[in-house]
Amino acid sequence: METVLIVEDDREIAAMIASSLSRAGFRTVHHADAERAWTALQQGGIDIIILDLMLPGMDGLSLLRKIRKDDAYAFIPVLIASAKDDDADIVAGLSLGADDYMVKPFSLKVLEARLRALLRRRELDRGRAEEDRSRLVMQDIVLDPERHEVSVDGNSIDLSATEFAILELLMRQPGRVFPRDRIIAGIRGGDYAVTDRSVDVHILSIRRKLGAKADCIETVRGIGYRFKDS
């Protein structure tokens, strides 16, 4: 039974989510603030996180940043569930490493489906990791799946789990053009609820982190992206 950490300061909303997920076979843990949620995460046993952004004290984005900087929790899927529906808020959440973003109000059935898709993706990632742990070295970019590390010109860079998966997908087949839907299918198993726009956001974030090597990821107008074949 997977355990969902619900980080939500509205107790009525949290109770509805917890009740729905419990009926669907999940175990739930609820905390109304980021500090207590972080403590719960450190205690272990959390499989996936539902994160509100507007929290008392530390906000949701700060907690997300903290999670993604800690190797012990970097692979735990995070779904943001927030009333903030501006593009800037969605882009900020995805850029910081959220795996999905839902705007309140939302269907509890859709929430359950999104969580299951994220968990399936995690299992697919584990299986893929067991199948191929080979280190990739291209144009001074080194990607090590076993250590989950990427370096550029010898300098380590921090990528979210989703960004790492996208870069690995492109680097494994340099020169091949990947349409956005193929990128989604390649890293999510084809069943992840994500938009073309969020793929673009992740690509922009990867390029920014690659710095001088950003042009290794080329945009093919009207189609998608490819890793430049040296």
Protein backbone atom coordinates (compact mmCIF):
# COMPACT_ATOMS: atom_id res chain seq x y z
CA MET A 1 0.00 0.00 0.00
CA GLU A 2 1.53 3.32 -1.11
CA THR A 3 1.67 6.20 1.36
CA VAL A 4 0.67 9.69 0.23
CA LEU A 5 1.90 12.72 2.17
CA ILE A 6 -0.74 15.47 1.92
CA VAL A 7 0.66 18.93 2.67
CA GLU A 8 -2.43 21.14 2.84
CA ASP A 9 -3.43 23.83 5.36
CA ASP A 10 -7.16 23.67 4.53
CA ARG A 11 -8.28 20.81 6.75
CA GLU A 12 -11.57 20.33 4.90
CA ILE A 13 -9.81 19.90 1.56
CA ALA A 14 -7.20 17.64 3.16
CA ALA A 15 -9.92 15.49 4.73
CA MET A 16 -11.74 15.09 1.39
CA ILE A 17 -8.52 14.11 -0.38
CA ALA A 18 -7.53 11.68 2.38
CA SER A 19 -10.97 10.06 2.45
CA SER A 20 -11.04 9.62 -1.33
CA LEU A 21 -7.52 8.19 -1.47
CA SER A 22 -8.17 5.85 1.46
CA ARG A 23 -11.16 4.40 -0.39
CA ALA A 24 -8.89 3.97 -3.43
CA GLY A 25 -6.43 1.90 -1.40
CA PHE A 26 -3.82 4.46 -0.41
CA ARG A 27 -2.49 5.19 3.05
CA THR A 28 -2.41 8.93 3.80
CA VAL A 29 -0.45 11.19 6.12
CA HIS A 30 -1.56 14.81 6.50
CA HIS A 31 0.31 17.88 7.72
CA ALA A 32 -0.89 21.48 7.49
CA ASP A 33 2.54 23.11 7.34
CA ALA A 34 5.83 22.50 5.53
CA GLU A 35 7.95 22.10 8.64
CA ARG A 36 5.94 19.16 9.98
CA ALA A 37 5.70 17.68 6.49
CA TRP A 38 9.50 17.76 6.23
CA THR A 39 9.78 15.95 9.55
CA ALA A 40 7.34 13.29 8.33
CA LEU A 41 9.38 12.88 5.16
CA GLN A 42 12.55 12.34 7.17
CA GLN A 43 10.84 9.59 9.15
CA GLY A 44 10.53 7.56 5.93
CA GLY A 45 7.82 5.53 4.27
CA ILE A 46 6.48 8.28 1.98
CA ASP A 47 5.89 7.20 -1.62
CA ILE A 48 4.40 10.37 -3.14
CA ILE A 49 3.55 13.93 -2.09
CA ILE A 50 0.54 16.20 -2.74
CA LEU A 51 1.77 19.73 -2.07
CA ASP A 52 -0.17 22.97 -1.64
CA LEU A 53 1.75 26.18 -2.34
CA MET A 54 0.11 28.62 0.07
CA LEU A 55 1.15 27.30 3.48
CA PRO A 56 1.76 28.98 6.82
CA GLY A 57 5.45 29.58 7.53
CA MET A 58 7.58 27.95 4.85
CA ASP A 59 5.67 28.02 1.54
CA GLY A 60 5.20 25.08 -0.78
CA LEU A 61 7.83 26.10 -3.31
CA SER A 62 10.43 26.42 -0.56
CA LEU A 63 9.59 22.92 0.64
CA LEU A 64 9.78 21.60 -2.93
CA ARG A 65 13.19 23.19 -3.38
CA LYS A 66 14.36 21.58 -0.13
CA ILE A 67 13.10 18.16 -1.22
CA ARG A 68 14.79 18.31 -4.62
CA LYS A 69 18.13 19.34 -3.11
CA ASP A 70 18.23 16.27 -0.85
CA ASP A 71 19.34 13.08 -2.60
CA ALA A 72 17.38 10.99 -0.09
CA TYR A 73 14.06 12.37 -1.38
CA ALA A 74 14.86 13.54 -4.92
CA PHE A 75 13.06 10.57 -6.50
CA ILE A 76 9.79 10.97 -4.57
CA PRO A 77 7.13 12.23 -7.00
CA VAL A 78 5.59 15.59 -6.06
CA LEU A 79 2.20 16.72 -7.35
CA ILE A 80 1.36 20.36 -6.67
CA ALA A 81 -2.32 20.99 -5.91
CA SER A 82 -2.90 24.73 -5.67
CA ALA A 83 -5.47 27.45 -6.24
CA LYS A 84 -2.74 29.44 -8.01
CA ASP A 85 -3.57 29.15 -11.69
CA ASP A 86 -1.28 31.74 -13.26
CA ASP A 87 1.18 30.48 -15.86
CA ALA A 88 4.03 31.90 -13.79
CA ASP A 89 3.05 29.79 -10.78
CA ILE A 90 2.74 26.62 -12.85
CA VAL A 91 6.06 27.28 -14.58
CA ALA A 92 7.74 27.96 -11.22
CA GLY A 93 6.48 24.70 -9.75
CA LEU A 94 7.54 22.58 -12.70
CA SER A 95 10.89 24.34 -13.00
CA LEU A 96 11.69 23.58 -9.37
CA GLY A 97 11.07 19.88 -9.92
CA ALA A 98 7.36 19.20 -9.44
CA ASP A 99 6.23 16.19 -11.47
CA ASP A 100 2.68 17.44 -11.99
CA TYR A 101 0.49 20.48 -11.25
CA MET A 102 -3.25 20.53 -10.63
CA VAL A 103 -5.32 23.68 -10.14
CA LYS A 104 -8.03 23.72 -7.48
CA PRO A 105 -10.84 22.82 -7.58
CA PHE A 106 -10.16 19.48 -9.21
CA SER A 107 -11.77 16.07 -9.53
CA LEU A 108 -10.71 13.61 -6.84
CA LYS A 109 -10.91 10.84 -9.43
CA VAL A 110 -8.52 12.73 -11.70
CA LEU A 111 -6.21 13.31 -8.73
CA GLU A 112 -6.16 9.57 -8.03
CA ALA A 113 -5.40 8.85 -11.70
CA ARG A 114 -2.54 11.37 -11.71
CA LEU A 115 -1.04 9.83 -8.57
CA ARG A 116 -1.20 6.33 -10.01
CA ALA A 117 0.44 7.56 -13.23
CA LEU A 118 3.28 9.11 -11.24
CA LEU A 119 3.77 5.93 -9.24
CA ARG A 120 3.78 3.84 -12.43
CA ARG A 121 6.40 6.18 -13.83
CA ARG A 122 8.52 5.67 -10.72
CA GLU A 123 8.38 1.89 -11.17
CA LEU A 124 9.20 2.23 -14.87
CA ASP A 125 12.17 4.41 -13.98
CA ARG A 126 13.39 1.76 -11.55
CA GLY A 127 13.04 -0.97 -14.16
CA ARG A 128 14.75 1.15 -16.79
CA ALA A 129 17.55 1.90 -14.38
CA GLU A 130 18.13 -1.80 -13.78
CA GLU A 131 18.20 -2.48 -17.52
CA ASP A 132 20.67 0.23 -18.46
CA ARG A 133 23.02 1.96 -16.05
CA SER A 134 25.62 2.93 -18.63
CA ARG A 135 27.38 6.27 -18.31
CA LEU A 136 26.92 8.75 -21.16
CA VAL A 137 29.67 11.16 -22.21
CA MET A 138 28.94 13.62 -25.03
CA GLN A 139 30.36 17.06 -25.80
CA ASP A 140 31.78 17.47 -22.28
CA ILE A 141 28.45 16.52 -20.73
CA VAL A 142 28.65 13.44 -18.50
CA LEU A 143 25.42 11.74 -17.39
CA ASP A 144 25.73 8.91 -14.88
CA PRO A 145 22.39 7.07 -14.36
CA GLU A 146 23.73 4.93 -11.53
CA ARG A 147 24.76 7.93 -9.45
CA HIS A 148 22.01 10.14 -10.90
CA GLU A 149 24.62 12.82 -11.60
CA VAL A 150 25.24 15.19 -14.50
CA SER A 151 28.34 17.31 -14.99
CA VAL A 152 29.31 19.89 -17.60
CA ASP A 153 33.01 20.51 -18.20
CA GLY A 154 33.68 18.71 -14.95
CA ASN A 155 31.25 20.82 -12.92
CA SER A 156 28.26 19.08 -11.34
CA ILE A 157 24.77 20.46 -12.07
CA ASP A 158 21.51 19.74 -10.28
CA LEU A 159 18.62 18.40 -12.35
CA SER A 160 15.19 17.36 -11.12
CA ALA A 161 14.17 13.75 -11.70
CA THR A 162 12.06 14.78 -14.70
CA GLU A 163 14.82 16.93 -16.20
CA PHE A 164 17.32 14.10 -15.74
CA ALA A 165 14.98 11.66 -17.50
CA ILE A 166 14.49 14.01 -20.46
CA LEU A 167 18.21 14.68 -20.86
CA GLU A 168 19.00 10.97 -20.64
CA LEU A 169 16.33 10.17 -23.25
CA LEU A 170 17.80 12.71 -25.69
CA MET A 171 21.44 11.75 -25.04
CA ARG A 172 20.82 8.04 -25.57
CA GLN A 173 19.81 8.72 -29.17
CA PRO A 174 21.74 11.79 -30.36
CA GLY A 175 20.53 13.24 -33.63
CA ARG A 176 17.06 11.73 -33.30
CA VAL A 177 14.20 14.23 -33.21
CA PHE A 178 11.79 13.61 -30.34
CA PRO A 179 8.32 15.16 -30.68
CA ARG A 180 6.92 16.43 -27.39
CA ASP A 181 4.47 13.54 -27.10
CA ARG A 182 7.33 11.07 -27.64
CA ILE A 183 9.30 12.72 -24.86
CA ILE A 184 6.27 12.40 -22.59
CA ALA A 185 5.83 8.74 -23.53
CA GLY A 186 9.54 8.04 -23.17
CA ILE A 187 9.83 9.32 -19.61
CA ARG A 188 6.33 8.60 -18.31
CA GLY A 189 5.37 5.35 -19.95
CA GLY A 190 2.77 7.08 -22.09
CA ASP A 191 0.20 7.61 -19.33
CA TYR A 192 1.38 10.75 -17.56
CA ALA A 193 -0.93 13.76 -17.55
CA VAL A 194 1.40 16.48 -18.85
CA THR A 195 1.16 19.13 -21.53
CA ASP A 196 3.40 20.14 -24.41
CA ARG A 197 4.02 23.39 -22.57
CA SER A 198 5.43 21.65 -19.52
CA VAL A 199 7.89 19.76 -21.75
CA ASP A 200 9.04 23.13 -23.08
CA VAL A 201 9.44 24.42 -19.51
CA HIS A 202 11.61 21.44 -18.56
CA ILE A 203 13.74 21.86 -21.69
CA LEU A 204 14.28 25.55 -20.91
CA SER A 205 15.34 24.65 -17.39
CA ILE A 206 17.78 21.97 -18.63
CA ARG A 207 19.33 24.42 -21.10
CA ARG A 208 19.76 27.04 -18.40
CA LYS A 209 21.55 24.54 -16.18
CA LEU A 210 23.77 23.30 -19.03
CA GLY A 211 25.08 26.85 -19.42
CA ALA A 212 27.59 27.08 -22.27
CA LYS A 213 26.47 23.64 -23.51
CA ALA A 214 22.80 24.68 -23.79
CA ASP A 215 22.92 24.56 -27.59
CA CYS A 216 23.51 20.79 -27.42
CA ILE A 217 19.73 20.53 -27.17
CA GLU A 218 18.31 21.76 -30.45
CA THR A 219 14.76 22.84 -31.18
CA VAL A 220 13.29 21.39 -34.37
CA ARG A 221 10.55 23.85 -35.27
CA GLY A 222 7.07 22.43 -35.33
CA ILE A 223 8.26 19.01 -34.17
CA GLY A 224 10.24 18.83 -30.92
CA TYR A 225 13.81 18.49 -29.68
CA ARG A 226 17.03 16.56 -30.28
CA PHE A 227 20.46 16.24 -28.74
CA LYS A 228 23.02 17.54 -31.24
CA ASP A 229 24.95 14.71 -32.86
CA SER A 230 28.63 15.62 -32.62
